[in-house]
Structures are given as C-alpha cells and as structure tokens.
Amino acid sequence: MGDTPITMSAIANSAGISRQTLYAVLNGERAEFGQVAQIRLSRVIQEITSHPDYQVSKMMRLDLSGTAPRIRFGV
C-alpha cells in the first residue's frame, strides 16, 4: 500500500506501442498487430512481474499463461 502502481500508459510507452494497441492486444484482438509489438509487450510485462516489489492484485491481474498476455479481473 502506498506504492504507485504502474499505469497502462507507462506500460505502452515502455513497449513502444500506443495505449489503444495495448488494450487491443490484452483483449485478444491481436491479429492485426505485428509480432514485434507483442514481443515488446511481453518483455515489458515480464520485467514488471519479475521485479521483487511486484504484488498481485485480486482486482486485476495479467495472465501470461496463454500465447499472449491478457487482463483478468477477479480472483
């Protein structure tokens, strides 16, 4: 608590993609986006989740188990 969570805009900027592209990729609408954007996004997400201070939220989490990262809500 008290830590500032990373924003979707910051994740998109780090991956070199727009925020709209980030949301589309995370919602499974990735067919029209290049593999390079997906690889950049995956690397940024892996960096974030591997950081020792990263904490999983029960409200929202990133699911990395599939072929592309997805946003999941709830437990």
Protein backbone atom coordinates (compact mmCIF):
# COMPACT_ATOMS: atom_id res chain seq x y z
CA MET A 1 0.00 0.00 0.00
CA GLY A 2 1.19 3.47 -0.71
CA ASP A 3 3.19 2.38 -3.76
CA THR A 4 2.22 3.97 -7.03
CA PRO A 5 1.05 1.27 -9.46
CA ILE A 6 2.39 1.35 -12.99
CA THR A 7 -0.12 2.76 -15.44
CA MET A 8 -1.26 1.23 -18.71
CA SER A 9 0.16 4.30 -20.47
CA ALA A 10 3.58 3.66 -18.91
CA ILE A 11 3.45 0.01 -19.99
CA ALA A 12 2.51 1.02 -23.54
CA ASN A 13 5.27 3.64 -23.67
CA SER A 14 7.85 1.15 -22.41
CA ALA A 15 6.77 -1.32 -25.10
CA GLY A 16 6.81 1.36 -27.80
CA ILE A 17 3.11 0.93 -28.63
CA SER A 18 0.04 3.08 -28.16
CA ARG A 19 -2.30 2.61 -25.21
CA GLN A 20 -5.09 1.63 -27.61
CA THR A 21 -2.86 -1.08 -29.09
CA LEU A 22 -2.03 -2.30 -25.59
CA TYR A 23 -5.70 -2.70 -24.71
CA ALA A 24 -6.45 -4.41 -28.03
CA VAL A 25 -3.61 -6.91 -27.57
CA LEU A 26 -4.62 -7.65 -23.97
CA ASN A 27 -8.24 -8.17 -25.07
CA GLY A 28 -7.19 -10.80 -27.60
CA GLU A 29 -7.59 -8.58 -30.66
CA ARG A 30 -4.01 -9.15 -31.67
CA ALA A 31 -4.43 -10.44 -35.23
CA GLU A 32 -3.95 -7.01 -36.79
CA PHE A 33 -0.87 -6.17 -34.73
CA GLY A 34 2.60 -7.32 -35.57
CA GLN A 35 4.54 -9.94 -33.70
CA VAL A 36 7.15 -7.30 -32.82
CA ALA A 37 4.60 -5.32 -30.76
CA GLN A 38 3.52 -8.50 -28.96
CA ILE A 39 7.14 -9.44 -28.19
CA ARG A 40 7.90 -5.93 -26.86
CA LEU A 41 4.80 -6.02 -24.67
CA SER A 42 5.63 -9.49 -23.34
CA ARG A 43 9.15 -8.36 -22.43
CA VAL A 44 7.87 -5.28 -20.58
CA ILE A 45 5.31 -7.36 -18.67
CA GLN A 46 7.96 -9.95 -17.75
CA GLU A 47 10.20 -7.14 -16.47
CA ILE A 48 7.38 -5.77 -14.32
CA THR A 49 6.29 -9.14 -12.89
CA SER A 50 9.85 -10.27 -12.17
CA HIS A 51 10.58 -7.17 -10.06
CA PRO A 52 10.85 -8.08 -6.34
CA ASP A 53 8.34 -5.39 -5.35
CA TYR A 54 5.66 -6.62 -7.77
CA GLN A 55 2.45 -7.65 -6.00
CA VAL A 56 -0.52 -9.43 -7.49
CA SER A 57 -3.84 -7.65 -7.15
CA LYS A 58 -7.09 -9.53 -6.68
CA MET A 59 -8.91 -6.82 -8.64
CA MET A 60 -6.91 -7.15 -11.84
CA ARG A 61 -4.02 -9.32 -12.95
CA LEU A 62 -2.05 -10.09 -16.07
CA ASP A 63 -2.42 -13.67 -17.29
CA LEU A 64 0.77 -14.78 -19.04
CA SER A 65 -0.24 -18.45 -19.42
CA GLY A 66 -1.56 -18.20 -22.99
CA THR A 67 0.02 -17.27 -26.27
CA ALA A 68 -0.43 -13.57 -25.50
CA PRO A 69 -0.80 -11.61 -22.24
CA ARG A 70 -4.40 -10.95 -21.15
CA ILE A 71 -6.06 -8.85 -18.46
CA ARG A 72 -8.12 -10.87 -15.96
CA PHE A 73 -10.49 -9.45 -13.35
CA GLY A 74 -11.49 -11.07 -10.06
CA VAL A 75 -9.90 -13.96 -8.26
